Amino acid sequence: MNLSIKNAPDHLVDLLKARAERNHRSMQGEMLAILEEAVHTPRRLTPLQLLAEVEKLDFETPSQSAAIVRKMRDERYGR
């Protein structure tokens, strides 16, 4: 399938050319690489979604640090 972009602003074309040169690709190759990355990159989470995902991991938090240190100390010294 062929895709085309009409009336692309000059500054974007210049940036794309520079990016293609840095990556040793043609402009078409660079555009294809950008498209592939865009469709394969996982969607971004909202802050609330990210918080929910982190909470599922059930990590010990800094608010629990005193208890964590006491537990480690007690285990080390056999208390």
N, C-alpha and C. Protein backbone atom coordinates (compact mmCIF):
# COMPACT_ATOMS: atom_id res chain seq x y z
N MET A 1 0.85 -1.17 0.00
CA MET A 1 0.00 0.00 0.00
C MET A 1 0.90 1.23 0.00
N ASN A 2 0.48 2.24 -0.69
CA ASN A 2 1.21 3.50 -0.72
C ASN A 2 0.47 4.53 0.10
N LEU A 3 1.21 5.31 0.85
CA LEU A 3 0.66 6.41 1.64
C LEU A 3 1.34 7.69 1.19
N SER A 4 0.64 8.79 1.31
CA SER A 4 1.29 10.07 0.99
C SER A 4 0.82 11.12 1.97
N ILE A 5 1.66 12.10 2.16
CA ILE A 5 1.33 13.23 3.03
C ILE A 5 1.42 14.48 2.16
N LYS A 6 0.33 15.18 2.06
CA LYS A 6 0.30 16.38 1.23
C LYS A 6 0.43 17.62 2.10
N ASN A 7 1.05 18.63 1.54
CA ASN A 7 1.17 19.94 2.18
C ASN A 7 1.87 19.87 3.54
N ALA A 8 2.87 19.04 3.64
CA ALA A 8 3.64 18.96 4.89
C ALA A 8 4.40 20.27 5.08
N PRO A 9 4.35 20.84 6.28
CA PRO A 9 5.08 22.10 6.52
C PRO A 9 6.58 21.92 6.30
N ASP A 10 7.19 22.93 5.72
CA ASP A 10 8.62 22.87 5.39
C ASP A 10 9.48 22.54 6.60
N HIS A 11 9.16 23.12 7.76
CA HIS A 11 10.00 22.87 8.93
C HIS A 11 9.94 21.40 9.35
N LEU A 12 8.78 20.75 9.18
CA LEU A 12 8.69 19.33 9.51
C LEU A 12 9.47 18.48 8.50
N VAL A 13 9.40 18.87 7.25
CA VAL A 13 10.16 18.16 6.22
C VAL A 13 11.65 18.26 6.51
N ASP A 14 12.10 19.46 6.88
CA ASP A 14 13.52 19.65 7.21
C ASP A 14 13.93 18.80 8.40
N LEU A 15 13.09 18.76 9.43
CA LEU A 15 13.39 17.94 10.60
C LEU A 15 13.42 16.46 10.24
N LEU A 16 12.50 16.04 9.39
CA LEU A 16 12.46 14.64 8.96
C LEU A 16 13.70 14.28 8.16
N LYS A 17 14.11 15.18 7.27
CA LYS A 17 15.34 14.95 6.49
C LYS A 17 16.54 14.78 7.42
N ALA A 18 16.64 15.66 8.40
CA ALA A 18 17.77 15.59 9.34
C ALA A 18 17.73 14.29 10.13
N ARG A 19 16.55 13.90 10.56
CA ARG A 19 16.42 12.65 11.32
C ARG A 19 16.79 11.45 10.45
N ALA A 20 16.35 11.45 9.21
CA ALA A 20 16.67 10.36 8.29
C ALA A 20 18.18 10.27 8.08
N GLU A 21 18.83 11.41 7.93
CA GLU A 21 20.29 11.41 7.75
C GLU A 21 20.99 10.85 8.99
N ARG A 22 20.54 11.28 10.17
CA ARG A 22 21.15 10.78 11.42
C ARG A 22 21.03 9.26 11.53
N ASN A 23 19.92 8.73 11.04
CA ASN A 23 19.66 7.30 11.14
C ASN A 23 20.09 6.53 9.90
N HIS A 24 20.76 7.22 8.97
CA HIS A 24 21.25 6.60 7.74
C HIS A 24 20.13 5.91 6.97
N ARG A 25 19.00 6.64 6.83
CA ARG A 25 17.86 6.11 6.10
C ARG A 25 17.39 7.14 5.07
N SER A 26 16.64 6.65 4.11
CA SER A 26 15.96 7.55 3.19
C SER A 26 14.80 8.20 3.94
N MET A 27 14.21 9.22 3.34
CA MET A 27 13.04 9.84 3.99
C MET A 27 11.92 8.82 4.10
N GLN A 28 11.72 8.03 3.05
CA GLN A 28 10.67 7.02 3.10
C GLN A 28 10.96 5.98 4.18
N GLY A 29 12.22 5.56 4.28
CA GLY A 29 12.59 4.61 5.32
C GLY A 29 12.38 5.17 6.71
N GLU A 30 12.68 6.45 6.87
CA GLU A 30 12.49 7.09 8.17
C GLU A 30 11.01 7.18 8.53
N MET A 31 10.18 7.56 7.55
CA MET A 31 8.73 7.65 7.81
C MET A 31 8.17 6.28 8.16
N LEU A 32 8.64 5.24 7.48
CA LEU A 32 8.17 3.89 7.79
C LEU A 32 8.61 3.47 9.19
N ALA A 33 9.84 3.81 9.58
CA ALA A 33 10.32 3.49 10.92
C ALA A 33 9.48 4.20 11.98
N ILE A 34 9.13 5.45 11.72
CA ILE A 34 8.30 6.22 12.66
C ILE A 34 6.92 5.58 12.78
N LEU A 35 6.34 5.18 11.65
CA LEU A 35 5.02 4.53 11.69
C LEU A 35 5.07 3.21 12.45
N GLU A 36 6.10 2.41 12.19
CA GLU A 36 6.22 1.12 12.89
C GLU A 36 6.35 1.33 14.40
N GLU A 37 7.16 2.30 14.79
CA GLU A 37 7.31 2.58 16.22
C GLU A 37 5.99 3.03 16.83
N ALA A 38 5.27 3.87 16.11
CA ALA A 38 4.01 4.40 16.63
C ALA A 38 2.96 3.31 16.85
N VAL A 39 2.88 2.36 15.93
CA VAL A 39 1.84 1.33 16.08
C VAL A 39 2.25 0.21 17.02
N HIS A 40 3.55 0.07 17.28
CA HIS A 40 4.00 -0.99 18.18
C HIS A 40 4.27 -0.52 19.61
N THR A 41 4.24 0.78 19.83
CA THR A 41 4.47 1.32 21.16
C THR A 41 3.18 1.18 21.97
N PRO A 42 3.27 0.61 23.16
CA PRO A 42 2.06 0.47 23.98
C PRO A 42 1.44 1.84 24.27
N ARG A 43 0.14 1.82 24.47
CA ARG A 43 -0.54 3.08 24.75
C ARG A 43 -0.06 3.67 26.06
N ARG A 44 -0.16 4.96 26.16
CA ARG A 44 0.26 5.63 27.39
C ARG A 44 -0.85 5.54 28.42
N LEU A 45 -0.45 5.35 29.66
CA LEU A 45 -1.42 5.27 30.75
C LEU A 45 -1.66 6.65 31.32
N THR A 46 -2.88 6.87 31.80
CA THR A 46 -3.15 8.09 32.54
C THR A 46 -2.49 7.95 33.91
N PRO A 47 -2.30 9.05 34.63
CA PRO A 47 -1.71 8.93 35.98
C PRO A 47 -2.50 7.98 36.88
N LEU A 48 -3.82 8.00 36.81
CA LEU A 48 -4.62 7.11 37.65
C LEU A 48 -4.45 5.64 37.24
N GLN A 49 -4.35 5.39 35.94
CA GLN A 49 -4.11 4.02 35.47
C GLN A 49 -2.74 3.53 35.92
N LEU A 50 -1.74 4.41 35.83
CA LEU A 50 -0.40 4.05 36.27
C LEU A 50 -0.38 3.73 37.76
N LEU A 51 -1.05 4.56 38.55
CA LEU A 51 -1.12 4.32 39.99
C LEU A 51 -1.77 2.96 40.28
N ALA A 52 -2.84 2.65 39.57
CA ALA A 52 -3.51 1.36 39.77
C ALA A 52 -2.58 0.20 39.43
N GLU A 53 -1.81 0.33 38.35
CA GLU A 53 -0.87 -0.73 37.97
C GLU A 53 0.23 -0.90 39.02
N VAL A 54 0.75 0.20 39.54
CA VAL A 54 1.80 0.14 40.56
C VAL A 54 1.26 -0.48 41.84
N GLU A 55 0.05 -0.12 42.22
CA GLU A 55 -0.54 -0.68 43.44
C GLU A 55 -0.73 -2.19 43.33
N LYS A 56 -0.95 -2.69 42.13
CA LYS A 56 -1.09 -4.15 41.93
C LYS A 56 0.21 -4.88 42.25
N LEU A 57 1.34 -4.19 42.15
CA LEU A 57 2.64 -4.82 42.40
C LEU A 57 2.89 -5.06 43.88
N ASP A 58 2.15 -4.37 44.75
CA ASP A 58 2.22 -4.56 46.20
C ASP A 58 3.63 -4.40 46.75
N PHE A 59 4.32 -3.34 46.32
CA PHE A 59 5.64 -3.03 46.85
C PHE A 59 5.53 -2.47 48.25
N GLU A 60 6.58 -2.68 49.04
CA GLU A 60 6.66 -2.02 50.34
C GLU A 60 7.01 -0.56 50.07
N THR A 61 6.41 0.33 50.83
CA THR A 61 6.57 1.76 50.56
C THR A 61 7.41 2.44 51.62
N PRO A 62 7.89 3.66 51.34
CA PRO A 62 8.68 4.39 52.34
C PRO A 62 7.96 4.55 53.68
N SER A 63 6.64 4.62 53.65
CA SER A 63 5.91 4.76 54.92
C SER A 63 6.07 3.50 55.78
N GLN A 64 6.47 2.41 55.17
CA GLN A 64 6.70 1.17 55.90
C GLN A 64 8.17 0.95 56.21
N SER A 65 9.01 1.94 55.92
CA SER A 65 10.46 1.75 56.01
C SER A 65 10.94 1.42 57.42
N ALA A 66 10.37 2.05 58.44
CA ALA A 66 10.82 1.77 59.81
C ALA A 66 10.58 0.30 60.15
N ALA A 67 9.41 -0.21 59.79
CA ALA A 67 9.10 -1.61 60.07
C ALA A 67 10.01 -2.54 59.28
N ILE A 68 10.32 -2.16 58.05
CA ILE A 68 11.21 -2.97 57.21
C ILE A 68 12.60 -3.05 57.83
N VAL A 69 13.13 -1.90 58.27
CA VAL A 69 14.47 -1.85 58.87
C VAL A 69 14.49 -2.66 60.17
N ARG A 70 13.46 -2.52 61.00
CA ARG A 70 13.40 -3.28 62.24
C ARG A 70 13.39 -4.79 61.96
N LYS A 71 12.60 -5.19 60.97
CA LYS A 71 12.52 -6.61 60.63
C LYS A 71 13.88 -7.13 60.17
N MET A 72 14.56 -6.37 59.31
CA MET A 72 15.88 -6.79 58.83
C MET A 72 16.88 -6.87 59.98
N ARG A 73 16.83 -5.87 60.87
CA ARG A 73 17.75 -5.85 62.01
C ARG A 73 17.48 -7.04 62.92
N ASP A 74 16.20 -7.30 63.20
CA ASP A 74 15.85 -8.42 64.07
C ASP A 74 16.28 -9.75 63.46
N GLU A 75 16.11 -9.89 62.14
CA GLU A 75 16.54 -11.13 61.48
C GLU A 75 18.05 -11.29 61.54
N ARG A 76 18.76 -10.19 61.39
CA ARG A 76 20.23 -10.23 61.39
C ARG A 76 20.76 -10.59 62.78
N TYR A 77 20.15 -10.03 63.82
CA TYR A 77 20.67 -10.23 65.18
C TYR A 77 19.86 -11.24 65.98
N GLY A 78 18.96 -11.97 65.31
CA GLY A 78 18.24 -13.06 65.95
C GLY A 78 17.30 -12.63 67.05
N ARG A 79 16.66 -11.55 66.88
CA ARG A 79 15.72 -11.10 67.91
C ARG A 79 14.34 -11.62 67.67
